[in-house]
């Protein structure tokens, strides 16, 4: 059995066993969500089980490395910081500025410890260089400024997009399955040939499948911000961990990423904070129009799979065209979600 598949199975097995244990242990520890806060009539569920996903990943990630590099240690540090802050936030509701500051610090640490890209291929021809201006740093060495700006914005976008997309149970898990699988397959391809990245992607895949088993509607657990932001961080980081796969990630994860951008601009235009929660995301509006949770997840998974598979066979310009097409699809879906429902006479 190949190492990638082996670690995917390990990821699934360990994460699934921890979730099974949490069904009994979390209620005893009073680690439960508050359904009344969101006007839900169900009983409280084990929460936030995203911490179990993080524990599983960290164990397997460390096991796969012969020796931890500076970049590896940076990633582990960022995951631990995120786990602690989001776990606290899941119960204490930290201020928005605190969460944003922590996310910026995480993005900077990822970049400073080596998770960065130096160039972006221009779909119209040529290369966009992100290393034209270095900032001197005694501890981290020279830091390319524009690469840092890009990395921090990208990580902020992926983490928050996944967090906001967790309005429907199972949606983040399913999208993480598709995203990690696409990045893993791309890393194994002959034109990329990064088996070490594929192993990391397949560990995430195993964890995401285990999460989906327990949080797909009707869900038995709630992963919380702890799980959603971890998956967002990892898929965002993995797309730039060893060379840019940003275009592929943007196609696979395009629905939550584009929806997040739409919501940010809409809230700013309306004079609202883009970081305060609301029910103006695409999935919220589709639910209001009568879609079921499973139908919304099917839409997300279908678009992610279709564009993700396509991305594996396209060149840079082809991916650019596909991103434009996905943007048009999202605009049409957003317009559909905003239109008033039509009630036909019985």
Protein backbone atom coordinates (compact mmCIF):
# COMPACT_ATOMS: atom_id res chain seq x y z
CA UNK A 1 0.00 0.00 0.00
CA UNK A 2 1.34 3.46 -0.90
CA UNK A 3 2.40 5.78 1.96
CA UNK A 4 -0.18 8.38 0.91
CA UNK A 5 -3.06 5.92 1.18
CA UNK A 6 -1.64 4.44 4.38
CA UNK A 7 -1.56 7.81 6.13
CA UNK A 8 -5.02 8.67 4.81
CA UNK A 9 -6.31 5.50 6.48
CA UNK A 10 -4.40 6.31 9.66
CA UNK A 11 -5.89 9.79 9.63
CA UNK A 12 -9.39 8.41 9.19
CA UNK A 13 -8.97 5.68 11.79
CA UNK A 14 -7.49 7.81 14.56
CA UNK A 15 -9.84 10.74 13.96
CA UNK A 16 -12.90 8.47 13.80
CA UNK A 17 -11.97 6.71 17.04
CA UNK A 18 -11.47 10.04 18.79
CA UNK A 19 -14.88 11.21 17.56
CA UNK A 20 -16.48 8.01 18.82
CA UNK A 21 -14.91 8.55 22.22
CA UNK A 22 -16.03 12.19 22.21
CA UNK A 23 -19.68 11.14 21.93
CA UNK A 24 -19.36 9.81 25.47
CA UNK A 25 -16.53 11.85 26.99
CA UNK A 26 -17.38 15.38 25.78
CA UNK A 27 -20.83 15.47 27.47
CA UNK A 28 -19.22 14.36 30.75
CA UNK A 29 -16.70 17.20 30.42
CA UNK A 30 -19.56 19.59 29.51
CA UNK A 31 -17.95 20.22 26.13
CA UNK A 32 -21.25 20.84 24.38
CA UNK A 33 -22.55 23.47 21.96
CA UNK A 34 -25.36 25.90 22.73
CA UNK A 35 -28.13 25.30 20.16
CA UNK A 36 -30.36 27.93 21.78
CA UNK A 37 -27.85 30.61 20.81
CA UNK A 38 -28.73 29.96 17.16
CA UNK A 39 -32.46 29.33 17.74
CA UNK A 40 -32.05 25.57 17.22
CA UNK A 41 -34.45 23.19 18.95
CA UNK A 42 -32.16 20.14 19.08
CA UNK A 43 -30.23 18.84 22.11
CA UNK A 44 -26.64 20.05 22.71
CA UNK A 45 -23.97 18.11 20.81
CA UNK A 46 -20.27 17.35 21.53
CA UNK A 47 -18.30 20.50 20.67
CA UNK A 48 -15.84 21.58 19.36
CA UNK A 49 -14.69 18.28 17.88
CA UNK A 50 -12.37 20.14 15.53
CA UNK A 51 -9.76 19.83 18.31
CA UNK A 52 -9.75 16.06 17.68
CA UNK A 53 -8.95 16.64 14.01
CA UNK A 54 -6.05 18.90 14.99
CA UNK A 55 -4.65 16.33 17.45
CA UNK A 56 -4.85 13.62 14.79
CA UNK A 57 -3.12 15.74 12.18
CA UNK A 58 -0.29 16.87 14.47
CA UNK A 59 0.49 13.30 15.55
CA UNK A 60 0.63 11.99 11.99
CA UNK A 61 2.41 15.05 10.57
CA UNK A 62 5.23 14.72 13.10
CA UNK A 63 5.46 10.96 12.49
CA UNK A 64 5.87 11.46 8.73
CA UNK A 65 8.84 13.81 9.06
CA UNK A 66 12.34 12.36 9.41
CA UNK A 67 13.39 15.64 11.02
CA UNK A 68 11.31 18.74 11.54
CA UNK A 69 12.46 21.63 9.36
CA UNK A 70 12.17 25.30 10.30
CA UNK A 71 9.13 25.46 8.00
CA UNK A 72 7.57 22.41 9.68
CA UNK A 73 8.07 23.94 13.12
CA UNK A 74 6.49 27.16 11.90
CA UNK A 75 3.43 25.29 10.64
CA UNK A 76 3.09 23.34 13.90
CA UNK A 77 3.39 26.57 15.93
CA UNK A 78 0.66 28.20 13.85
CA UNK A 79 -1.65 25.20 14.24
CA UNK A 80 -1.17 25.16 18.03
CA UNK A 81 -1.81 28.93 18.32
CA UNK A 82 -4.93 28.60 16.17
CA UNK A 83 -6.17 25.59 18.16
CA UNK A 84 -5.82 27.37 21.51
CA UNK A 85 -7.44 30.63 20.39
CA UNK A 86 -10.33 29.07 18.45
CA UNK A 87 -11.05 26.57 21.25
CA UNK A 88 -11.34 29.49 23.68
CA UNK A 89 -13.39 31.47 21.15
CA UNK A 90 -15.83 28.60 20.70
CA UNK A 91 -16.88 29.07 24.34
CA UNK A 92 -15.98 32.68 25.23
CA UNK A 93 -16.71 34.59 21.96
CA UNK A 94 -13.52 36.62 21.71
CA UNK A 95 -13.73 40.13 20.17
CA UNK A 96 -13.46 40.26 16.39
CA UNK A 97 -10.28 42.35 16.55
CA UNK A 98 -8.60 39.71 18.73
CA UNK A 99 -9.42 36.96 16.26
CA UNK A 100 -8.22 39.07 13.34
CA UNK A 101 -4.94 39.93 15.09
CA UNK A 102 -4.26 36.27 15.82
CA UNK A 103 -5.00 35.35 12.21
CA UNK A 104 -2.57 38.01 10.96
CA UNK A 105 0.11 36.69 13.33
CA UNK A 106 -0.48 33.16 12.07
CA UNK A 107 -0.26 34.31 8.45
CA UNK A 108 2.98 36.17 9.18
CA UNK A 109 4.55 33.23 11.03
CA UNK A 110 3.69 30.87 8.20
CA UNK A 111 5.28 33.23 5.71
CA UNK A 112 8.33 34.06 7.84
CA UNK A 113 9.13 30.39 8.48
CA UNK A 114 9.09 29.48 4.80
CA UNK A 115 5.53 28.84 3.66
CA UNK A 116 5.50 31.38 0.82
CA UNK A 117 5.61 31.77 -2.93
CA UNK A 118 7.97 34.00 -4.86
CA UNK A 119 6.20 34.24 -8.22
CA UNK A 120 2.72 34.03 -9.70
CA UNK A 121 2.27 32.98 -13.30
CA UNK A 122 0.46 35.68 -15.24
CA UNK A 123 -2.37 33.98 -17.20
CA UNK A 124 -1.85 36.52 -19.99
CA UNK A 125 1.86 35.75 -20.19
CA UNK A 126 4.96 36.23 -18.08
CA UNK A 127 5.66 36.03 -14.38
CA UNK A 128 4.58 38.31 -11.54
CA UNK A 129 7.48 38.49 -9.09
CA UNK A 130 6.75 38.79 -5.39
CA UNK A 131 10.37 38.93 -4.25
CA UNK A 132 11.43 42.29 -5.68
CA UNK A 133 11.62 43.98 -2.26
CA UNK A 134 13.17 42.29 0.78
CA UNK A 135 12.82 43.34 4.40
CA UNK A 136 15.85 42.52 6.56
CA UNK A 137 15.20 40.25 9.55
CA UNK A 138 17.87 38.93 11.89
CA UNK A 139 15.88 35.89 13.03
CA UNK A 140 13.98 34.93 9.88
CA UNK A 141 16.44 36.20 7.30
CA UNK A 142 15.42 38.42 4.34
CA UNK A 143 11.64 38.51 3.92
CA UNK A 144 10.16 39.33 0.49
CA UNK A 145 7.53 41.95 1.32
CA UNK A 146 5.02 41.35 -1.48
CA UNK A 147 5.16 37.60 -0.93
CA UNK A 148 4.36 38.25 2.71
CA UNK A 149 1.41 40.49 1.86
CA UNK A 150 0.04 37.87 -0.54
CA UNK A 151 0.54 35.00 1.92
CA UNK A 152 -1.14 36.77 4.84
CA UNK A 153 -4.14 37.85 2.75
CA UNK A 154 -4.49 34.36 1.26
CA UNK A 155 -4.38 32.64 4.66
CA UNK A 156 -6.84 35.16 6.14
CA UNK A 157 -9.20 34.50 3.25
CA UNK A 158 -9.06 30.68 3.43
CA UNK A 159 -9.44 30.54 7.22
CA UNK A 160 -12.37 32.96 7.37
CA UNK A 161 -14.07 31.55 4.26
CA UNK A 162 -14.13 28.08 5.83
CA UNK A 163 -15.22 29.46 9.18
CA UNK A 164 -18.11 31.37 7.62
CA UNK A 165 -18.97 28.34 5.48
CA UNK A 166 -19.58 26.24 8.60
CA UNK A 167 -23.17 27.49 8.81
CA UNK A 168 -24.33 24.06 7.61
CA UNK A 169 -22.98 20.96 9.38
CA UNK A 170 -20.87 18.77 7.13
CA UNK A 171 -20.22 21.44 4.53
CA UNK A 172 -16.64 22.19 5.63
CA UNK A 173 -15.80 18.49 5.96
CA UNK A 174 -17.06 17.66 2.48
CA UNK A 175 -15.26 20.59 0.88
CA UNK A 176 -12.07 19.66 2.74
CA UNK A 177 -12.31 16.15 1.33
CA UNK A 178 -12.47 17.53 -2.20
CA UNK A 179 -9.77 20.16 -1.63
CA UNK A 180 -7.24 17.85 0.02
CA UNK A 181 -7.85 15.13 -2.59
CA UNK A 182 -7.31 17.55 -5.48
CA UNK A 183 -4.11 18.99 -3.98
CA UNK A 184 -2.89 15.49 -3.13
CA UNK A 185 -3.46 14.18 -6.66
CA UNK A 186 -1.78 17.26 -8.13
CA UNK A 187 1.22 16.78 -5.82
CA UNK A 188 1.56 13.16 -6.99
CA UNK A 189 1.38 14.07 -10.68
CA UNK A 190 4.52 13.86 -12.79
CA UNK A 191 4.53 17.59 -13.52
CA UNK A 192 4.58 18.49 -9.80
CA UNK A 193 6.10 15.36 -8.18
CA UNK A 194 5.93 16.38 -4.51
CA UNK A 195 5.10 13.15 -2.66
CA UNK A 196 5.78 14.71 0.75
CA UNK A 197 3.03 17.28 0.08
CA UNK A 198 0.73 14.50 -1.09
CA UNK A 199 1.22 12.68 2.24
CA UNK A 200 0.18 15.81 4.17
CA UNK A 201 -2.82 16.30 1.87
CA UNK A 202 -3.94 12.69 2.34
CA UNK A 203 -3.65 12.94 6.14
CA UNK A 204 -6.04 15.90 5.91
CA UNK A 205 -8.23 13.83 3.58
CA UNK A 206 -8.50 11.02 6.14
CA UNK A 207 -9.33 13.49 8.93
CA UNK A 208 -11.94 15.22 6.75
CA UNK A 209 -13.65 11.94 5.87
CA UNK A 210 -13.82 11.01 9.57
CA UNK A 211 -15.25 14.44 10.39
CA UNK A 212 -17.86 14.09 7.65
CA UNK A 213 -19.02 10.76 9.06
CA UNK A 214 -19.96 12.47 12.30
CA UNK A 215 -21.01 15.98 11.25
CA UNK A 216 -22.89 15.34 8.01
CA UNK A 217 -26.62 16.08 8.44
CA UNK A 218 -28.14 14.89 10.71
CA UNK A 219 -24.94 15.62 12.61
CA UNK A 220 -23.84 13.93 15.83
CA UNK A 221 -21.13 16.51 16.67
CA UNK A 222 -20.20 20.13 15.94
CA UNK A 223 -16.61 20.87 14.84
CA UNK A 224 -16.85 24.57 15.77
CA UNK A 225 -14.53 27.34 14.64
CA UNK A 226 -11.70 25.12 15.89
CA UNK A 227 -12.27 22.62 13.10
CA UNK A 228 -13.43 24.95 10.34
CA UNK A 229 -10.51 27.36 10.69
CA UNK A 230 -8.02 24.49 10.94
CA UNK A 231 -9.18 23.07 7.61
CA UNK A 232 -9.09 26.56 6.10
CA UNK A 233 -5.57 27.14 7.41
CA UNK A 234 -4.26 23.79 6.18
CA UNK A 235 -5.72 23.94 2.68
CA UNK A 236 -4.57 27.53 2.33
CA UNK A 237 -1.08 26.71 3.59
CA UNK A 238 -0.82 23.49 1.59
CA UNK A 239 -1.50 25.35 -1.64
CA UNK A 240 1.69 27.39 -1.09
CA UNK A 241 3.70 25.04 1.15
CA UNK A 242 6.05 23.85 -1.58
CA UNK A 243 5.32 25.91 -4.65
CA UNK A 244 2.18 27.69 -5.72
CA UNK A 245 -1.00 25.69 -6.25
CA UNK A 246 -3.15 28.72 -5.56
CA UNK A 247 -5.05 28.63 -8.86
CA UNK A 248 -5.98 24.98 -8.31
CA UNK A 249 -7.01 25.69 -4.70
CA UNK A 250 -9.05 28.70 -5.84
CA UNK A 251 -11.01 26.52 -8.25
CA UNK A 252 -11.60 23.69 -5.77
CA UNK A 253 -12.45 26.03 -2.88
CA UNK A 254 -13.97 28.72 -5.08
CA UNK A 255 -17.50 28.61 -3.65
CA UNK A 256 -16.61 29.58 -0.05
CA UNK A 257 -13.75 31.88 -1.12
CA UNK A 258 -15.80 33.86 -3.65
CA UNK A 259 -18.81 33.91 -1.33
CA UNK A 260 -16.56 35.31 1.43
CA UNK A 261 -15.34 38.07 -0.89
CA UNK A 262 -18.92 38.91 -1.90
CA UNK A 263 -20.00 39.09 1.76
CA UNK A 264 -17.03 41.26 2.78
CA UNK A 265 -17.72 43.82 0.04
CA UNK A 266 -21.48 43.75 0.69
CA UNK A 267 -21.03 44.37 4.42
CA UNK A 268 -18.52 47.18 3.87
CA UNK A 269 -20.88 48.78 1.34
CA UNK A 270 -23.71 48.61 3.90
CA UNK A 271 -21.52 50.06 6.65
CA UNK A 272 -21.29 46.81 8.63
CA UNK A 273 -18.22 45.08 10.01
CA UNK A 274 -17.13 42.28 7.65
CA UNK A 275 -15.97 40.22 10.63
CA UNK A 276 -19.23 40.08 12.58
CA UNK A 277 -21.44 37.08 11.99
CA UNK A 278 -24.57 37.23 9.90
CA UNK A 279 -26.97 35.19 7.81
CA UNK A 280 -26.08 36.77 4.48
CA UNK A 281 -23.88 34.00 3.11
CA UNK A 282 -24.97 32.05 0.05
CA UNK A 283 -25.88 28.92 2.01
CA UNK A 284 -28.03 30.93 4.45
CA UNK A 285 -29.97 32.54 1.61
CA UNK A 286 -30.42 29.24 -0.22
CA UNK A 287 -31.82 27.69 2.96
CA UNK A 288 -34.28 30.58 3.23
CA UNK A 289 -35.43 29.84 -0.32
CA UNK A 290 -36.32 26.30 0.69
CA UNK A 291 -33.17 24.35 -0.14
CA UNK A 292 -32.30 21.56 2.28
CA UNK A 293 -28.91 21.33 3.98
CA UNK A 294 -28.01 18.29 1.90
CA UNK A 295 -28.94 20.06 -1.32
CA UNK A 296 -26.67 22.99 -0.46
CA UNK A 297 -23.79 20.62 0.36
CA UNK A 298 -24.40 18.75 -2.89
CA UNK A 299 -24.16 22.05 -4.78
CA UNK A 300 -20.91 22.96 -3.02
CA UNK A 301 -19.43 19.50 -3.55
CA UNK A 302 -20.53 19.39 -7.17
CA UNK A 303 -18.97 22.73 -8.06
CA UNK A 304 -15.80 21.99 -6.11
CA UNK A 305 -15.41 18.57 -7.73
CA UNK A 306 -16.17 19.76 -11.26
CA UNK A 307 -13.78 22.70 -11.17
CA UNK A 308 -11.21 20.80 -9.12
CA UNK A 309 -11.00 17.92 -11.57
CA UNK A 310 -10.84 20.40 -14.45
CA UNK A 311 -7.96 22.26 -12.77
CA UNK A 312 -5.80 19.13 -12.81
CA UNK A 313 -5.71 19.18 -16.62
CA UNK A 314 -5.54 22.90 -17.39
CA UNK A 315 -2.63 25.22 -18.01
CA UNK A 316 -2.41 28.63 -16.33
CA UNK A 317 -4.58 30.41 -18.89
CA UNK A 318 -7.13 27.60 -18.80
CA UNK A 319 -7.36 27.92 -15.01
CA UNK A 320 -7.83 31.67 -15.39
CA UNK A 321 -10.76 31.09 -17.76
CA UNK A 322 -12.20 28.49 -15.36
CA UNK A 323 -11.97 30.95 -12.45
CA UNK A 324 -13.87 33.54 -14.50
CA UNK A 325 -16.51 30.92 -15.31
CA UNK A 326 -16.80 29.98 -11.63
CA UNK A 327 -17.18 33.67 -10.76
CA UNK A 328 -20.06 33.94 -13.25
CA UNK A 329 -21.69 30.83 -11.73
CA UNK A 330 -21.39 32.34 -8.25
CA UNK A 331 -22.89 35.64 -9.44
CA UNK A 332 -25.85 33.76 -10.91
CA UNK A 333 -26.31 31.73 -7.72
CA UNK A 334 -26.11 34.89 -5.63
CA UNK A 335 -28.76 36.53 -7.81
CA UNK A 336 -30.96 33.44 -7.53
CA UNK A 337 -30.56 33.42 -3.74
CA UNK A 338 -31.56 37.10 -3.50
CA UNK A 339 -34.65 36.77 -5.67
CA UNK A 340 -37.99 36.41 -3.86
CA UNK A 341 -39.40 32.91 -3.62
CA UNK A 342 -42.36 32.18 -5.85
CA UNK A 343 -45.23 30.34 -4.14
CA UNK A 344 -47.38 28.54 -6.63
CA UNK A 345 -51.05 28.02 -5.82
CA UNK A 346 -51.95 24.50 -4.78
